[in-house]
């Protein structure tokens, strides 16, 4: 006898889940996996954003430092250090030099202003010519007008010439009998 018949061992119980429960569980597992992926993607995006912001901040700092250096170099080149002469004669010479530099800069400024005025005047003239060439107003699209031949001839030749044109007179006359033969 087998041990199952004696009652010593219980009969093995096989638990089968219904297909609905199985698909429901698999859907939940898939949704959990998708949620984890979304979290990972958003975390990665946030990390990338923070890294990009850090890089941008360092670039801005570098640009600011470069601008300051450029400004200092320009000032050192164009504005030499000021040393005040001790005697009156040296001071007068220094003032004369400053006046000559001011005059030079003033002449350059005047020249650039004149050039600017000239170019703006040329620009205005060219834009005016362009406006004249294009026409002052936008032309409306032309519409088709139905006209008879007589009205067209009157419009072309004027009202002095009396022309009557009967286009139907030149058409060929077709008899009913002939047309019935053609249709058969």
N, C-alpha and C. Protein backbone atom coordinates (compact mmCIF):
# COMPACT_ATOMS: atom_id res chain seq x y z
N UNK A 1 0.82 -1.18 0.00
CA UNK A 1 0.00 0.00 0.00
C UNK A 1 0.87 1.25 0.00
N UNK A 2 0.29 2.26 -0.60
CA UNK A 2 1.06 3.49 -0.67
C UNK A 2 0.84 4.32 0.58
N UNK A 3 1.77 5.15 0.88
CA UNK A 3 1.64 5.95 2.10
C UNK A 3 0.45 6.90 2.05
N UNK A 4 -0.02 7.22 0.88
CA UNK A 4 -1.16 8.11 0.80
C UNK A 4 -2.43 7.42 1.27
N UNK A 5 -2.52 6.13 0.98
CA UNK A 5 -3.73 5.40 1.37
C UNK A 5 -3.78 5.16 2.86
N UNK A 6 -2.68 5.01 3.48
CA UNK A 6 -2.68 4.74 4.91
C UNK A 6 -3.04 5.98 5.70
N UNK A 7 -2.85 7.15 5.12
CA UNK A 7 -3.19 8.34 5.85
C UNK A 7 -2.00 8.96 6.53
N UNK A 8 -0.87 8.36 6.34
CA UNK A 8 0.32 8.90 6.98
C UNK A 8 0.66 10.24 6.33
N UNK A 9 0.70 10.22 5.05
CA UNK A 9 1.01 11.46 4.33
C UNK A 9 -0.27 12.00 3.72
N UNK A 10 -0.40 13.23 3.80
CA UNK A 10 -1.57 13.84 3.18
C UNK A 10 -1.37 13.91 1.68
N UNK A 11 -2.44 13.99 1.00
CA UNK A 11 -2.34 14.07 -0.45
C UNK A 11 -1.75 15.43 -0.83
N UNK A 12 -0.89 15.41 -1.80
CA UNK A 12 -0.29 16.69 -2.18
C UNK A 12 -1.34 17.60 -2.82
N UNK A 13 -1.31 18.83 -2.43
CA UNK A 13 -2.27 19.81 -2.93
C UNK A 13 -1.53 20.73 -3.91
N UNK A 14 -2.01 20.76 -5.09
CA UNK A 14 -1.43 21.64 -6.09
C UNK A 14 -2.35 22.84 -6.22
N UNK A 15 -1.80 23.99 -5.97
CA UNK A 15 -2.58 25.22 -6.02
C UNK A 15 -2.34 25.87 -7.37
N UNK A 16 -3.38 25.98 -8.11
CA UNK A 16 -3.31 26.65 -9.39
C UNK A 16 -4.02 27.99 -9.28
N UNK A 17 -3.33 29.01 -9.65
CA UNK A 17 -3.95 30.34 -9.65
C UNK A 17 -4.74 30.52 -10.93
N UNK A 18 -5.76 31.24 -10.82
CA UNK A 18 -6.55 31.49 -12.02
C UNK A 18 -5.75 32.41 -12.96
N UNK A 19 -6.08 32.37 -14.20
CA UNK A 19 -5.35 33.18 -15.19
C UNK A 19 -5.57 34.67 -14.95
N UNK A 20 -6.73 35.01 -14.40
CA UNK A 20 -6.99 36.42 -14.11
C UNK A 20 -6.03 36.93 -13.04
N UNK A 21 -5.88 36.13 -11.99
CA UNK A 21 -4.97 36.55 -10.92
C UNK A 21 -3.55 36.65 -11.45
N UNK A 22 -3.17 35.71 -12.28
CA UNK A 22 -1.82 35.70 -12.81
C UNK A 22 -1.55 36.94 -13.67
N UNK A 23 -2.50 37.29 -14.56
CA UNK A 23 -2.32 38.47 -15.41
C UNK A 23 -2.35 39.74 -14.58
N UNK A 24 -3.19 39.76 -13.53
CA UNK A 24 -3.26 40.93 -12.66
C UNK A 24 -1.92 41.14 -11.97
N UNK A 25 -1.34 40.05 -11.48
CA UNK A 25 -0.04 40.16 -10.80
C UNK A 25 1.05 40.60 -11.77
N UNK A 26 1.02 40.04 -12.97
CA UNK A 26 2.06 40.41 -13.94
C UNK A 26 1.91 41.88 -14.36
N UNK A 27 0.67 42.37 -14.45
CA UNK A 27 0.47 43.79 -14.76
C UNK A 27 1.02 44.67 -13.66
N UNK A 28 0.75 44.27 -12.41
CA UNK A 28 1.26 45.04 -11.29
C UNK A 28 2.78 45.05 -11.29
N UNK A 29 3.38 43.91 -11.59
CA UNK A 29 4.83 43.84 -11.64
C UNK A 29 5.37 44.74 -12.75
N UNK A 30 4.71 44.70 -13.90
CA UNK A 30 5.14 45.56 -15.01
C UNK A 30 5.01 47.03 -14.65
N UNK A 31 3.91 47.38 -13.97
CA UNK A 31 3.71 48.76 -13.56
C UNK A 31 4.77 49.18 -12.55
N UNK A 32 5.10 48.29 -11.63
CA UNK A 32 6.15 48.59 -10.65
C UNK A 32 7.49 48.83 -11.35
N UNK A 33 7.79 48.01 -12.33
CA UNK A 33 9.05 48.16 -13.06
C UNK A 33 9.06 49.50 -13.81
N UNK A 34 7.92 49.85 -14.43
CA UNK A 34 7.84 51.12 -15.15
C UNK A 34 7.99 52.31 -14.21
N UNK A 35 7.38 52.21 -13.03
CA UNK A 35 7.51 53.30 -12.05
C UNK A 35 8.96 53.48 -11.63
N UNK A 36 9.65 52.36 -11.41
CA UNK A 36 11.06 52.44 -11.02
C UNK A 36 11.88 53.07 -12.14
N UNK A 37 11.58 52.72 -13.39
CA UNK A 37 12.31 53.29 -14.52
C UNK A 37 12.05 54.79 -14.62
N UNK A 38 10.76 55.19 -14.41
CA UNK A 38 10.43 56.61 -14.47
C UNK A 38 11.17 57.38 -13.38
N UNK A 39 11.23 56.80 -12.19
CA UNK A 39 11.96 57.45 -11.10
C UNK A 39 13.43 57.61 -11.47
N UNK A 40 13.98 56.57 -12.07
CA UNK A 40 15.39 56.63 -12.46
C UNK A 40 15.60 57.68 -13.54
N UNK A 41 14.67 57.77 -14.48
CA UNK A 41 14.80 58.75 -15.56
C UNK A 41 14.69 60.16 -15.00
N UNK A 42 13.72 60.42 -14.12
CA UNK A 42 13.58 61.76 -13.55
C UNK A 42 14.78 62.11 -12.69
N UNK A 43 15.29 61.14 -11.95
CA UNK A 43 16.48 61.40 -11.14
C UNK A 43 17.67 61.74 -12.05
N UNK A 44 17.78 61.02 -13.14
CA UNK A 44 18.88 61.29 -14.09
C UNK A 44 18.71 62.68 -14.71
N UNK A 45 17.48 63.03 -15.06
CA UNK A 45 17.24 64.36 -15.62
C UNK A 45 17.63 65.45 -14.63
N UNK A 46 17.21 65.28 -13.39
CA UNK A 46 17.54 66.28 -12.38
C UNK A 46 19.05 66.38 -12.19
N UNK A 47 19.72 65.24 -12.21
CA UNK A 47 21.17 65.24 -12.06
C UNK A 47 21.82 65.98 -13.24
N UNK A 48 21.34 65.69 -14.46
CA UNK A 48 21.89 66.36 -15.64
C UNK A 48 21.63 67.86 -15.60
N UNK A 49 20.44 68.25 -15.15
CA UNK A 49 20.14 69.68 -15.03
C UNK A 49 21.08 70.36 -14.06
N UNK A 50 21.30 69.72 -12.91
CA UNK A 50 22.18 70.33 -11.92
C UNK A 50 23.61 70.43 -12.45
N UNK A 51 24.05 69.40 -13.17
CA UNK A 51 25.40 69.44 -13.74
C UNK A 51 25.51 70.57 -14.77
N UNK A 52 24.47 70.70 -15.61
CA UNK A 52 24.48 71.76 -16.62
C UNK A 52 24.49 73.14 -15.97
N UNK A 53 23.72 73.30 -14.90
CA UNK A 53 23.70 74.58 -14.20
C UNK A 53 25.05 74.90 -13.59
N UNK A 54 25.72 73.89 -13.04
CA UNK A 54 27.05 74.10 -12.47
C UNK A 54 28.04 74.52 -13.56
N UNK A 55 27.97 73.86 -14.71
CA UNK A 55 28.87 74.21 -15.81
C UNK A 55 28.60 75.63 -16.28
N UNK A 56 27.32 75.99 -16.40
CA UNK A 56 26.96 77.34 -16.83
C UNK A 56 27.45 78.38 -15.83
N UNK A 57 27.33 78.08 -14.54
CA UNK A 57 27.80 79.02 -13.52
C UNK A 57 29.31 79.22 -13.61
N UNK A 58 30.05 78.14 -13.81
CA UNK A 58 31.51 78.29 -13.93
C UNK A 58 31.87 79.08 -15.19
N UNK A 59 31.13 78.84 -16.29
CA UNK A 59 31.39 79.60 -17.52
C UNK A 59 31.12 81.08 -17.31
N UNK A 60 30.03 81.42 -16.61
CA UNK A 60 29.73 82.82 -16.33
C UNK A 60 30.82 83.47 -15.49
N UNK A 61 31.31 82.73 -14.50
CA UNK A 61 32.39 83.26 -13.67
C UNK A 61 33.64 83.50 -14.52
N UNK A 62 33.96 82.55 -15.40
CA UNK A 62 35.13 82.72 -16.27
C UNK A 62 34.97 83.94 -17.17
N UNK A 63 33.76 84.12 -17.72
CA UNK A 63 33.52 85.28 -18.58
C UNK A 63 33.67 86.58 -17.81
N UNK A 64 33.16 86.62 -16.58
CA UNK A 64 33.27 87.83 -15.77
C UNK A 64 34.74 88.14 -15.49
N UNK A 65 35.53 87.11 -15.16
CA UNK A 65 36.95 87.32 -14.89
C UNK A 65 37.66 87.81 -16.16
N UNK A 66 37.30 87.21 -17.30
CA UNK A 66 37.92 87.61 -18.57
C UNK A 66 37.58 89.06 -18.90
N UNK A 67 36.34 89.48 -18.65
CA UNK A 67 35.95 90.86 -18.91
C UNK A 67 36.74 91.83 -18.03
N UNK A 68 36.89 91.47 -16.76
CA UNK A 68 37.65 92.32 -15.85
C UNK A 68 39.10 92.45 -16.31
N UNK A 69 39.69 91.33 -16.73
CA UNK A 69 41.08 91.37 -17.21
C UNK A 69 41.19 92.23 -18.47
N UNK A 70 40.23 92.07 -19.37
CA UNK A 70 40.24 92.85 -20.60
C UNK A 70 40.11 94.34 -20.31
N UNK A 71 39.24 94.67 -19.36
CA UNK A 71 39.05 96.06 -18.98
C UNK A 71 40.33 96.63 -18.38
N UNK A 72 40.97 95.85 -17.50
CA UNK A 72 42.21 96.31 -16.87
C UNK A 72 43.30 96.50 -17.92
N UNK A 73 43.39 95.57 -18.88
CA UNK A 73 44.40 95.69 -19.94
C UNK A 73 44.15 96.93 -20.80
N UNK A 74 42.89 97.17 -21.14
CA UNK A 74 42.55 98.33 -21.96
C UNK A 74 42.91 99.63 -21.23
N UNK A 75 42.54 99.69 -19.94
CA UNK A 75 42.85 100.90 -19.18
C UNK A 75 44.35 101.10 -19.03
N UNK A 76 45.09 100.00 -18.82
CA UNK A 76 46.54 100.12 -18.69
C UNK A 76 47.16 100.58 -20.01
N UNK A 77 46.60 100.13 -21.13
CA UNK A 77 47.14 100.49 -22.44
C UNK A 77 46.82 101.93 -22.82
N UNK A 78 45.56 102.34 -22.61
CA UNK A 78 45.12 103.65 -23.06
C UNK A 78 45.25 104.75 -22.01
N UNK A 79 45.32 104.39 -20.76
CA UNK A 79 45.45 105.39 -19.69
C UNK A 79 46.69 105.06 -18.86
N UNK A 80 47.81 105.60 -19.24
CA UNK A 80 49.01 105.30 -18.45
C UNK A 80 48.88 105.85 -17.04
N UNK A 81 49.67 105.33 -16.12
CA UNK A 81 49.56 105.82 -14.74
C UNK A 81 49.90 107.31 -14.66
N UNK A 82 49.17 107.97 -13.83
CA UNK A 82 49.29 109.42 -13.72
C UNK A 82 50.37 109.77 -12.69
N UNK A 83 51.33 110.48 -13.14
CA UNK A 83 52.34 110.99 -12.20
C UNK A 83 52.32 112.52 -12.30
N UNK A 84 52.13 113.14 -11.19
CA UNK A 84 52.02 114.59 -11.15
C UNK A 84 53.42 115.21 -11.07
N UNK A 85 53.72 116.08 -12.03
CA UNK A 85 55.03 116.73 -11.97
C UNK A 85 55.11 117.71 -10.80
N UNK A 86 56.30 117.88 -10.33
CA UNK A 86 56.47 118.73 -9.14
C UNK A 86 56.68 120.19 -9.51
N UNK A 87 57.30 120.48 -10.62
CA UNK A 87 57.55 121.88 -10.97
C UNK A 87 56.41 122.43 -11.82
N UNK A 88 56.37 123.74 -11.89
CA UNK A 88 55.30 124.42 -12.62
C UNK A 88 55.45 124.22 -14.13
N UNK A 89 56.68 124.25 -14.61
CA UNK A 89 56.92 124.09 -16.04
C UNK A 89 56.52 122.68 -16.50
N UNK A 90 56.88 121.67 -15.74
CA UNK A 90 56.50 120.29 -16.07
C UNK A 90 54.98 120.12 -16.07
N UNK A 91 54.36 120.78 -15.13
CA UNK A 91 52.89 120.72 -15.04
C UNK A 91 52.26 121.35 -16.28
N UNK A 92 52.79 122.47 -16.74
CA UNK A 92 52.26 123.12 -17.94
C UNK A 92 52.44 122.22 -19.17
N UNK A 93 53.58 121.58 -19.29
CA UNK A 93 53.82 120.66 -20.41
C UNK A 93 52.84 119.48 -20.36
N UNK A 94 52.61 118.99 -19.17
CA UNK A 94 51.68 117.87 -18.99
C UNK A 94 50.28 118.27 -19.42
N UNK A 95 49.86 119.47 -19.04
CA UNK A 95 48.53 119.96 -19.40
C UNK A 95 48.43 120.14 -20.92
N UNK A 96 49.51 120.64 -21.55
CA UNK A 96 49.51 120.79 -23.01
C UNK A 96 49.34 119.44 -23.69
N UNK A 97 50.04 118.43 -23.20
CA UNK A 97 49.91 117.08 -23.76
C UNK A 97 48.48 116.58 -23.64
N UNK A 98 47.91 116.81 -22.46
CA UNK A 98 46.52 116.38 -22.26
C UNK A 98 45.58 117.09 -23.23
N UNK A 99 45.79 118.38 -23.45
CA UNK A 99 44.94 119.13 -24.37
C UNK A 99 45.08 118.60 -25.80
N UNK A 100 46.30 118.27 -26.21
CA UNK A 100 46.47 117.73 -27.57
C UNK A 100 45.76 116.39 -27.71
N UNK A 101 45.84 115.56 -26.68
CA UNK A 101 45.15 114.26 -26.73
C UNK A 101 43.64 114.45 -26.79
N UNK A 102 43.14 115.41 -26.02
CA UNK A 102 41.70 115.69 -26.03
C UNK A 102 41.28 116.18 -27.41
N UNK A 103 42.09 117.02 -28.04
CA UNK A 103 41.78 117.51 -29.39
C UNK A 103 41.75 116.36 -30.40
N UNK A 104 42.72 115.45 -30.30
CA UNK A 104 42.76 114.30 -31.21
C UNK A 104 41.50 113.44 -31.06
N UNK A 105 41.14 113.18 -29.83
CA UNK A 105 39.95 112.35 -29.58
C UNK A 105 38.71 113.07 -30.07
N UNK A 106 38.66 114.38 -29.88
CA UNK A 106 37.52 115.17 -30.34
C UNK A 106 37.41 115.14 -31.86
N UNK A 107 38.54 115.22 -32.56
CA UNK A 107 38.53 115.14 -34.02
C UNK A 107 38.04 113.77 -34.49
N UNK A 108 38.50 112.73 -33.85
CA UNK A 108 38.05 111.37 -34.20
C UNK A 108 36.55 111.22 -33.99
N UNK A 109 36.07 111.77 -32.88
CA UNK A 109 34.64 111.69 -32.59
C UNK A 109 33.84 112.43 -33.65
N UNK A 110 34.33 113.62 -34.04
CA UNK A 110 33.64 114.40 -35.06
C UNK A 110 33.63 113.65 -36.39
N UNK A 111 34.76 113.07 -36.76
CA UNK A 111 34.84 112.31 -38.02
C UNK A 111 33.86 111.14 -38.02
N UNK A 112 33.79 110.42 -36.92
CA UNK A 112 32.87 109.28 -36.87
C UNK A 112 31.42 109.75 -36.92
N UNK A 113 31.12 110.89 -36.29
CA UNK A 113 29.76 111.42 -36.36
C UNK A 113 29.39 111.80 -37.79
N UNK A 114 30.33 112.42 -38.51
CA UNK A 114 30.06 112.82 -39.89
C UNK A 114 29.84 111.58 -40.75
N UNK A 115 30.68 110.57 -40.57
CA UNK A 115 30.50 109.32 -41.33
C UNK A 115 29.15 108.70 -41.04
N UNK A 116 28.76 108.72 -39.77
CA UNK A 116 27.47 108.15 -39.38
C UNK A 116 26.33 108.92 -40.03
N UNK A 117 26.41 110.24 -40.00
CA UNK A 117 25.35 111.05 -40.63
C UNK A 117 25.27 110.78 -42.13
N UNK A 118 26.44 110.64 -42.77
CA UNK A 118 26.47 110.36 -44.21
C UNK A 118 25.81 109.03 -44.52
N UNK A 119 26.16 108.01 -43.76
CA UNK A 119 25.59 106.68 -44.03
C UNK A 119 24.10 106.65 -43.74
N UNK A 120 23.65 107.33 -42.69
CA UNK A 120 22.21 107.35 -42.41
C UNK A 120 21.46 108.08 -43.53
N UNK A 121 22.05 109.15 -44.05
CA UNK A 121 21.42 109.88 -45.16
C UNK A 121 21.32 108.99 -46.40
N UNK A 122 22.41 108.26 -46.70
CA UNK A 122 22.38 107.34 -47.84
C UNK A 122 21.34 106.25 -47.65
N UNK A 123 21.26 105.76 -46.43
CA UNK A 123 20.28 104.72 -46.12
C UNK A 123 18.86 105.24 -46.32
N UNK A 124 18.60 106.44 -45.85
CA UNK A 124 17.27 107.02 -46.03
C UNK A 124 16.94 107.22 -47.51
N UNK A 125 17.94 107.70 -48.28
CA UNK A 125 17.72 107.90 -49.72
C UNK A 125 17.41 106.58 -50.42
N UNK A 126 18.19 105.55 -50.10
CA UNK A 126 17.97 104.25 -50.72
C UNK A 126 16.61 103.66 -50.34
N UNK A 127 16.24 103.83 -49.08
CA UNK A 127 14.94 103.30 -48.66
C UNK A 127 13.80 104.06 -49.35
N UNK A 128 14.00 105.37 -49.57
CA UNK A 128 12.99 106.16 -50.28
C UNK A 128 12.87 105.71 -51.73
N UNK A 129 14.02 105.45 -52.37
CA UNK A 129 14.00 104.96 -53.75
C UNK A 129 13.29 103.61 -53.83
N UNK A 130 13.59 102.76 -52.87
CA UNK A 130 12.96 101.44 -52.84
C UNK A 130 11.46 101.58 -52.68
N UNK A 131 11.05 102.49 -51.81
CA UNK A 131 9.62 102.72 -51.58
C UNK A 131 8.96 103.22 -52.86
N UNK A 132 9.64 104.14 -53.57
CA UNK A 132 9.09 104.66 -54.82
C UNK A 132 9.00 103.58 -55.89
N UNK A 133 10.01 102.72 -55.95
CA UNK A 133 10.00 101.66 -56.95
C UNK A 133 8.90 100.64 -56.68
N UNK A 134 8.71 100.32 -55.45
CA UNK A 134 7.67 99.35 -55.10
C UNK A 134 6.28 99.91 -55.34
N UNK A 135 6.14 101.15 -55.12
CA UNK A 135 4.82 101.77 -55.23
C UNK A 135 4.35 102.13 -53.83
N UNK A 136 3.58 103.19 -53.79
CA UNK A 136 3.17 103.69 -52.48
C UNK A 136 2.13 102.80 -51.83
N UNK A 137 1.28 102.22 -52.65
CA UNK A 137 0.20 101.42 -52.09
C UNK A 137 0.30 100.00 -52.60
N UNK A 138 -0.22 99.13 -51.86
CA UNK A 138 -0.26 97.74 -52.28
C UNK A 138 -1.39 97.59 -53.30
N UNK A 139 -1.04 97.02 -54.43
CA UNK A 139 -2.04 96.89 -55.48
C UNK A 139 -2.98 95.73 -55.18
N UNK A 140 -4.28 95.96 -55.32
CA UNK A 140 -5.22 94.86 -55.06
C UNK A 140 -5.18 93.86 -56.21
N UNK A 141 -5.50 92.62 -55.93
CA UNK A 141 -5.53 91.63 -57.02
C UNK A 141 -6.67 91.95 -57.98
N UNK A 142 -6.40 91.79 -59.26
CA UNK A 142 -7.41 92.10 -60.27
C UNK A 142 -8.47 91.01 -60.32
N UNK A 143 -9.71 91.45 -60.54
CA UNK A 143 -10.81 90.49 -60.60
C UNK A 143 -11.22 90.30 -62.05
N UNK A 144 -11.77 89.14 -62.34
CA UNK A 144 -12.28 88.89 -63.69
C UNK A 144 -13.65 89.55 -63.81
N UNK A 145 -13.85 90.20 -64.92
CA UNK A 145 -15.12 90.86 -65.17
C UNK A 145 -15.69 90.27 -66.45
N UNK A 146 -16.94 89.88 -66.40
CA UNK A 146 -17.58 89.33 -67.59
C UNK A 146 -18.04 90.50 -68.46
N UNK A 147 -17.60 90.47 -69.71
CA UNK A 147 -17.95 91.53 -70.66
C UNK A 147 -18.39 90.89 -71.96
N UNK A 148 -19.30 91.52 -72.57
CA UNK A 148 -19.68 91.06 -73.91
C UNK A 148 -18.64 91.56 -74.90
N UNK A 149 -18.68 91.02 -76.09
CA UNK A 149 -17.71 91.43 -77.11
C UNK A 149 -17.91 92.89 -77.49
N UNK A 150 -19.18 93.33 -77.54
CA UNK A 150 -19.45 94.72 -77.88
C UNK A 150 -18.91 95.66 -76.82
N UNK A 151 -19.11 95.30 -75.56
CA UNK A 151 -18.63 96.15 -74.47
C UNK A 151 -17.10 96.21 -74.47
N UNK A 152 -16.46 95.10 -74.80
CA UNK A 152 -15.01 95.07 -74.84
C UNK A 152 -14.49 95.95 -75.99
N UNK A 153 -15.14 95.85 -77.13
CA UNK A 153 -14.72 96.69 -78.26
C UNK A 153 -14.95 98.17 -77.97
N UNK A 154 -16.06 98.49 -77.30
CA UNK A 154 -16.32 99.88 -76.92
C UNK A 154 -15.25 100.38 -75.96
N UNK A 155 -14.84 99.50 -75.03
CA UNK A 155 -13.83 99.91 -74.06
C UNK A 155 -12.48 100.10 -74.74
N UNK A 156 -12.17 99.26 -75.71
CA UNK A 156 -10.88 99.37 -76.39
C UNK A 156 -10.84 100.51 -77.40
N UNK A 157 -11.90 100.65 -78.19
CA UNK A 157 -11.90 101.64 -79.26
C UNK A 157 -12.45 102.99 -78.83
N UNK A 158 -13.14 103.03 -77.74
CA UNK A 158 -13.73 104.28 -77.29
C UNK A 158 -15.16 104.40 -77.76
N UNK A 159 -15.81 105.44 -77.34
CA UNK A 159 -17.23 105.60 -77.66
C UNK A 159 -17.44 106.23 -79.04
N UNK A 160 -16.38 106.72 -79.69
CA UNK A 160 -16.54 107.36 -81.00
C UNK A 160 -16.89 106.33 -82.06
N UNK A 161 -16.27 105.17 -81.99
CA UNK A 161 -16.50 104.16 -83.02
C UNK A 161 -17.69 103.30 -82.63
N UNK A 162 -18.61 103.20 -83.54
CA UNK A 162 -19.78 102.36 -83.30
C UNK A 162 -19.54 101.03 -83.99
N UNK A 163 -19.21 100.04 -83.21
CA UNK A 163 -18.95 98.72 -83.77
C UNK A 163 -19.92 97.76 -83.12
N UNK A 164 -20.62 97.05 -83.94
CA UNK A 164 -21.52 96.04 -83.41
C UNK A 164 -21.06 94.71 -83.97
N UNK A 165 -20.80 93.83 -83.10
CA UNK A 165 -20.28 92.55 -83.54
C UNK A 165 -21.21 91.47 -83.04
N UNK A 166 -21.79 90.77 -83.96
CA UNK A 166 -22.68 89.68 -83.60
C UNK A 166 -21.95 88.38 -83.86
N UNK A 167 -21.47 87.78 -82.82
CA UNK A 167 -20.69 86.56 -82.96
C UNK A 167 -21.58 85.37 -83.30
N UNK A 168 -22.84 85.44 -82.96
CA UNK A 168 -23.74 84.31 -83.21
C UNK A 168 -24.10 84.20 -84.69
N UNK A 169 -23.94 85.28 -85.42
CA UNK A 169 -24.31 85.26 -86.85
C UNK A 169 -23.39 84.35 -87.64
N UNK A 170 -22.16 84.22 -87.20
CA UNK A 170 -21.19 83.40 -87.94
C UNK A 170 -21.29 81.92 -87.61
N UNK A 171 -22.12 81.58 -86.64
CA UNK A 171 -22.23 80.17 -86.27
C UNK A 171 -23.01 79.41 -87.34
N UNK A 172 -22.69 78.17 -87.48
CA UNK A 172 -23.33 77.32 -88.48
C UNK A 172 -24.69 76.88 -87.97
N UNK A 173 -25.67 76.92 -88.84
CA UNK A 173 -27.02 76.49 -88.46
C UNK A 173 -27.11 74.97 -88.59
N UNK A 174 -27.63 74.35 -87.57
CA UNK A 174 -27.78 72.89 -87.57
C UNK A 174 -29.26 72.58 -87.53
N UNK A 175 -29.70 71.76 -88.42
CA UNK A 175 -31.11 71.38 -88.43
C UNK A 175 -31.32 70.28 -87.43
N UNK A 176 -32.56 70.16 -86.96
CA UNK A 176 -32.88 69.14 -85.97
C UNK A 176 -32.70 67.74 -86.54
N UNK A 177 -33.03 67.56 -87.77
CA UNK A 177 -32.91 66.23 -88.38
C UNK A 177 -31.45 65.80 -88.41
N UNK A 178 -30.56 66.73 -88.73
CA UNK A 178 -29.13 66.41 -88.78
C UNK A 178 -28.61 66.05 -87.40
N UNK A 179 -29.08 66.76 -86.39
CA UNK A 179 -28.59 66.49 -85.03
C UNK A 179 -29.10 65.15 -84.53
N UNK A 180 -30.32 64.77 -84.93
CA UNK A 180 -30.83 63.47 -84.52
C UNK A 180 -30.03 62.35 -85.17
N UNK A 181 -29.59 62.54 -86.39
CA UNK A 181 -28.78 61.53 -87.08
C UNK A 181 -27.43 61.39 -86.39
N UNK A 182 -26.91 62.46 -85.95
CA UNK A 182 -25.59 62.42 -85.31
C UNK A 182 -25.66 61.68 -83.98
N UNK A 183 -26.73 61.87 -83.23
CA UNK A 183 -26.85 61.22 -81.93
C UNK A 183 -27.11 59.74 -82.03
N UNK A 184 -27.70 59.26 -83.12
CA UNK A 184 -28.03 57.84 -83.25
C UNK A 184 -26.86 57.01 -83.50
